[in-house]
Amino acid sequence: MRCDALLPDELSRSDTYPYNEIHEEDATITHEAVVGKIGEEQIFYLMSRGLNESDAIHLILMGFLAEFSKELPVDYALELNRLIQMEMSGAVG
């Protein structure tokens, strides 16, 4: 099981509550969680290439979510993108 989280700002948080129901007596199960903040150097790099701070953060978030959103049905993926865009419009700047 793998759980990755990205914290785009100081208000964000990630709560992981793994639950594994195992029906085999000889199974080996592990859980891995990775949590990280968007690095200032990542934002700086993208801003040095012409993006404003909000667009840079949005690009990083969408890159992080790309694999996840590929697994969603198209309607859900579009809705996720719309919600992120709405949230980002007031987050920075």
N, C-alpha and C. Protein backbone atom coordinates (compact mmCIF):
# COMPACT_ATOMS: atom_id res chain seq x y z
N MET A 1 0.85 -1.16 0.00
CA MET A 1 0.00 0.00 0.00
C MET A 1 0.90 1.22 0.00
N ARG A 2 0.55 2.21 -0.77
CA ARG A 2 1.35 3.42 -0.85
C ARG A 2 0.42 4.61 -0.74
N CYS A 3 0.85 5.63 0.01
CA CYS A 3 0.05 6.83 0.20
C CYS A 3 0.99 8.03 0.10
N ASP A 4 0.80 8.87 -0.91
CA ASP A 4 1.61 10.06 -1.08
C ASP A 4 0.73 11.29 -0.86
N ALA A 5 1.31 12.31 -0.23
CA ALA A 5 0.58 13.55 0.01
C ALA A 5 1.50 14.72 -0.28
N LEU A 6 0.92 15.79 -0.81
CA LEU A 6 1.65 17.01 -1.09
C LEU A 6 0.98 18.14 -0.35
N LEU A 7 1.75 18.92 0.39
CA LEU A 7 1.22 20.04 1.17
C LEU A 7 1.54 21.34 0.43
N PRO A 8 0.58 21.93 -0.26
CA PRO A 8 0.86 23.10 -1.09
C PRO A 8 1.02 24.41 -0.33
N ASP A 9 0.60 24.46 0.94
CA ASP A 9 0.71 25.70 1.70
C ASP A 9 0.80 25.39 3.19
N GLU A 10 0.89 26.42 4.01
CA GLU A 10 1.04 26.24 5.46
C GLU A 10 -0.25 25.77 6.14
N LEU A 11 -1.38 25.90 5.48
CA LEU A 11 -2.66 25.49 6.07
C LEU A 11 -3.01 24.04 5.77
N SER A 12 -2.37 23.47 4.78
CA SER A 12 -2.68 22.10 4.36
C SER A 12 -2.17 21.09 5.37
N ARG A 13 -2.85 19.95 5.42
CA ARG A 13 -2.42 18.84 6.26
C ARG A 13 -2.83 17.54 5.61
N SER A 14 -2.22 16.48 6.05
CA SER A 14 -2.53 15.17 5.52
C SER A 14 -2.73 14.21 6.67
N ASP A 15 -3.84 13.53 6.68
CA ASP A 15 -4.14 12.52 7.69
C ASP A 15 -4.25 11.18 6.98
N THR A 16 -3.42 10.25 7.38
CA THR A 16 -3.42 8.93 6.77
C THR A 16 -3.83 7.91 7.81
N TYR A 17 -4.86 7.16 7.51
CA TYR A 17 -5.35 6.12 8.39
C TYR A 17 -5.39 4.81 7.61
N PRO A 18 -4.25 4.16 7.50
CA PRO A 18 -4.24 2.93 6.69
C PRO A 18 -5.06 1.83 7.35
N TYR A 19 -5.73 1.07 6.52
CA TYR A 19 -6.50 -0.07 7.00
C TYR A 19 -6.28 -1.21 6.02
N ASN A 20 -5.78 -2.29 6.50
CA ASN A 20 -5.57 -3.48 5.68
C ASN A 20 -6.31 -4.64 6.33
N GLU A 21 -7.16 -5.27 5.58
CA GLU A 21 -7.84 -6.47 6.07
C GLU A 21 -7.20 -7.66 5.39
N ILE A 22 -6.50 -8.46 6.16
CA ILE A 22 -5.71 -9.56 5.62
C ILE A 22 -6.39 -10.89 5.98
N HIS A 23 -6.58 -11.71 4.97
CA HIS A 23 -7.23 -13.01 5.18
C HIS A 23 -6.27 -14.18 4.96
N GLU A 24 -4.98 -13.89 4.92
CA GLU A 24 -3.96 -14.92 4.74
C GLU A 24 -3.05 -14.92 5.96
N GLU A 25 -2.73 -16.08 6.48
CA GLU A 25 -1.90 -16.16 7.67
C GLU A 25 -0.41 -15.94 7.38
N ASP A 26 0.02 -16.15 6.14
CA ASP A 26 1.44 -16.03 5.84
C ASP A 26 1.78 -14.84 4.93
N ALA A 27 0.92 -13.85 4.89
CA ALA A 27 1.14 -12.68 4.04
C ALA A 27 2.05 -11.67 4.74
N THR A 28 2.86 -10.97 3.95
CA THR A 28 3.67 -9.86 4.45
C THR A 28 3.10 -8.58 3.86
N ILE A 29 2.66 -7.70 4.71
CA ILE A 29 2.01 -6.47 4.27
C ILE A 29 2.77 -5.28 4.84
N THR A 30 2.96 -4.24 4.02
CA THR A 30 3.62 -3.02 4.49
C THR A 30 2.79 -1.81 4.08
N HIS A 31 3.08 -0.71 4.72
CA HIS A 31 2.42 0.56 4.39
C HIS A 31 3.50 1.62 4.29
N GLU A 32 3.44 2.41 3.26
CA GLU A 32 4.41 3.48 3.07
C GLU A 32 3.66 4.78 2.82
N ALA A 33 4.05 5.82 3.53
CA ALA A 33 3.45 7.14 3.33
C ALA A 33 4.57 8.15 3.11
N VAL A 34 4.38 9.01 2.13
CA VAL A 34 5.32 10.07 1.83
C VAL A 34 4.56 11.38 1.84
N VAL A 35 5.02 12.32 2.64
CA VAL A 35 4.39 13.64 2.73
C VAL A 35 5.47 14.68 2.49
N GLY A 36 5.19 15.65 1.65
CA GLY A 36 6.16 16.69 1.39
C GLY A 36 5.51 17.99 1.02
N LYS A 37 6.25 19.06 1.22
CA LYS A 37 5.80 20.39 0.83
C LYS A 37 6.35 20.73 -0.54
N ILE A 38 5.70 21.66 -1.19
CA ILE A 38 6.23 22.18 -2.45
C ILE A 38 7.45 23.01 -2.10
N GLY A 39 8.57 22.70 -2.71
CA GLY A 39 9.81 23.40 -2.40
C GLY A 39 9.84 24.80 -3.00
N GLU A 40 10.40 25.72 -2.25
CA GLU A 40 10.55 27.09 -2.75
C GLU A 40 11.39 27.10 -4.02
N GLU A 41 12.39 26.19 -4.09
CA GLU A 41 13.24 26.15 -5.28
C GLU A 41 12.45 25.69 -6.50
N GLN A 42 11.44 24.83 -6.32
CA GLN A 42 10.59 24.41 -7.43
C GLN A 42 9.79 25.60 -7.95
N ILE A 43 9.21 26.35 -7.03
CA ILE A 43 8.42 27.53 -7.41
C ILE A 43 9.33 28.56 -8.08
N PHE A 44 10.50 28.81 -7.50
CA PHE A 44 11.44 29.77 -8.07
C PHE A 44 11.83 29.37 -9.49
N TYR A 45 12.13 28.09 -9.69
CA TYR A 45 12.52 27.61 -11.01
C TYR A 45 11.43 27.91 -12.04
N LEU A 46 10.20 27.56 -11.71
CA LEU A 46 9.11 27.78 -12.67
C LEU A 46 8.83 29.26 -12.88
N MET A 47 8.97 30.06 -11.82
CA MET A 47 8.78 31.50 -11.97
C MET A 47 9.89 32.12 -12.83
N SER A 48 11.10 31.56 -12.74
CA SER A 48 12.20 32.06 -13.57
C SER A 48 11.98 31.72 -15.04
N ARG A 49 11.05 30.81 -15.30
CA ARG A 49 10.70 30.43 -16.67
C ARG A 49 9.44 31.16 -17.16
N GLY A 50 8.96 32.13 -16.37
CA GLY A 50 7.87 32.98 -16.84
C GLY A 50 6.51 32.75 -16.19
N LEU A 51 6.38 31.75 -15.33
CA LEU A 51 5.09 31.53 -14.67
C LEU A 51 4.98 32.42 -13.43
N ASN A 52 3.75 32.83 -13.11
CA ASN A 52 3.57 33.52 -11.83
C ASN A 52 3.48 32.45 -10.73
N GLU A 53 3.49 32.88 -9.48
CA GLU A 53 3.55 31.93 -8.37
C GLU A 53 2.34 30.99 -8.35
N SER A 54 1.17 31.53 -8.59
CA SER A 54 -0.04 30.70 -8.58
C SER A 54 -0.01 29.64 -9.67
N ASP A 55 0.41 30.03 -10.87
CA ASP A 55 0.49 29.07 -11.97
C ASP A 55 1.57 28.02 -11.71
N ALA A 56 2.67 28.43 -11.09
CA ALA A 56 3.74 27.48 -10.76
C ALA A 56 3.24 26.43 -9.78
N ILE A 57 2.55 26.86 -8.73
CA ILE A 57 2.01 25.92 -7.74
C ILE A 57 0.97 25.00 -8.39
N HIS A 58 0.13 25.57 -9.23
CA HIS A 58 -0.88 24.77 -9.92
C HIS A 58 -0.23 23.70 -10.80
N LEU A 59 0.82 24.06 -11.52
CA LEU A 59 1.52 23.10 -12.37
C LEU A 59 2.13 21.97 -11.54
N ILE A 60 2.73 22.30 -10.40
CA ILE A 60 3.32 21.28 -9.53
C ILE A 60 2.24 20.36 -8.99
N LEU A 61 1.11 20.93 -8.55
CA LEU A 61 0.01 20.11 -8.04
C LEU A 61 -0.55 19.18 -9.11
N MET A 62 -0.73 19.70 -10.31
CA MET A 62 -1.29 18.87 -11.37
C MET A 62 -0.32 17.76 -11.77
N GLY A 63 0.98 18.03 -11.72
CA GLY A 63 1.96 16.99 -11.97
C GLY A 63 1.91 15.90 -10.91
N PHE A 64 1.73 16.32 -9.65
CA PHE A 64 1.62 15.36 -8.55
C PHE A 64 0.39 14.49 -8.70
N LEU A 65 -0.71 15.08 -9.16
CA LEU A 65 -1.98 14.35 -9.27
C LEU A 65 -2.16 13.62 -10.60
N ALA A 66 -1.23 13.76 -11.53
CA ALA A 66 -1.40 13.22 -12.87
C ALA A 66 -1.67 11.72 -12.87
N GLU A 67 -0.88 10.94 -12.14
CA GLU A 67 -1.07 9.49 -12.12
C GLU A 67 -2.41 9.12 -11.52
N PHE A 68 -2.79 9.80 -10.44
CA PHE A 68 -4.07 9.53 -9.80
C PHE A 68 -5.23 9.86 -10.74
N SER A 69 -5.17 11.03 -11.36
CA SER A 69 -6.30 11.45 -12.20
C SER A 69 -6.45 10.60 -13.45
N LYS A 70 -5.37 9.93 -13.90
CA LYS A 70 -5.47 9.03 -15.05
C LYS A 70 -6.38 7.84 -14.75
N GLU A 71 -6.48 7.49 -13.48
CA GLU A 71 -7.30 6.34 -13.08
C GLU A 71 -8.77 6.69 -12.92
N LEU A 72 -9.08 7.98 -12.88
CA LEU A 72 -10.47 8.41 -12.68
C LEU A 72 -11.24 8.41 -13.99
N PRO A 73 -12.55 8.18 -13.93
CA PRO A 73 -13.37 8.40 -15.12
C PRO A 73 -13.26 9.87 -15.54
N VAL A 74 -13.42 10.15 -16.81
CA VAL A 74 -13.22 11.49 -17.36
C VAL A 74 -14.02 12.54 -16.61
N ASP A 75 -15.28 12.28 -16.32
CA ASP A 75 -16.11 13.26 -15.63
C ASP A 75 -15.53 13.63 -14.26
N TYR A 76 -15.05 12.65 -13.53
CA TYR A 76 -14.47 12.90 -12.22
C TYR A 76 -13.15 13.65 -12.33
N ALA A 77 -12.34 13.30 -13.32
CA ALA A 77 -11.07 13.99 -13.52
C ALA A 77 -11.30 15.46 -13.85
N LEU A 78 -12.28 15.74 -14.69
CA LEU A 78 -12.60 17.14 -15.02
C LEU A 78 -13.10 17.90 -13.80
N GLU A 79 -13.91 17.25 -13.00
CA GLU A 79 -14.42 17.89 -11.78
C GLU A 79 -13.28 18.14 -10.79
N LEU A 80 -12.37 17.19 -10.65
CA LEU A 80 -11.22 17.38 -9.77
C LEU A 80 -10.40 18.58 -10.21
N ASN A 81 -10.12 18.68 -11.50
CA ASN A 81 -9.36 19.80 -12.03
C ASN A 81 -10.08 21.12 -11.77
N ARG A 82 -11.40 21.13 -11.96
CA ARG A 82 -12.19 22.35 -11.72
C ARG A 82 -12.12 22.76 -10.25
N LEU A 83 -12.24 21.81 -9.34
CA LEU A 83 -12.18 22.11 -7.92
C LEU A 83 -10.81 22.63 -7.51
N ILE A 84 -9.76 22.03 -8.04
CA ILE A 84 -8.41 22.51 -7.74
C ILE A 84 -8.22 23.93 -8.25
N GLN A 85 -8.70 24.19 -9.46
CA GLN A 85 -8.58 25.53 -10.03
C GLN A 85 -9.33 26.55 -9.18
N MET A 86 -10.52 26.21 -8.69
CA MET A 86 -11.29 27.11 -7.83
C MET A 86 -10.53 27.37 -6.54
N GLU A 87 -9.97 26.32 -5.94
CA GLU A 87 -9.25 26.46 -4.67
C GLU A 87 -7.99 27.30 -4.86
N MET A 88 -7.30 27.10 -5.95
CA MET A 88 -6.05 27.82 -6.20
C MET A 88 -6.28 29.29 -6.51
N SER A 89 -7.45 29.64 -7.02
CA SER A 89 -7.68 31.03 -7.43
C SER A 89 -7.57 32.00 -6.26
N GLY A 90 -7.83 31.56 -5.04
CA GLY A 90 -7.72 32.46 -3.90
C GLY A 90 -6.58 32.11 -2.97
N ALA A 91 -5.76 31.12 -3.30
CA ALA A 91 -4.76 30.63 -2.36
C ALA A 91 -3.49 31.46 -2.35
N VAL A 92 -3.05 31.94 -3.50
CA VAL A 92 -1.77 32.62 -3.58
C VAL A 92 -1.96 33.93 -4.32
N GLY A 93 -1.22 34.92 -3.89
CA GLY A 93 -1.23 36.19 -4.62
C GLY A 93 -2.15 37.09 -4.02
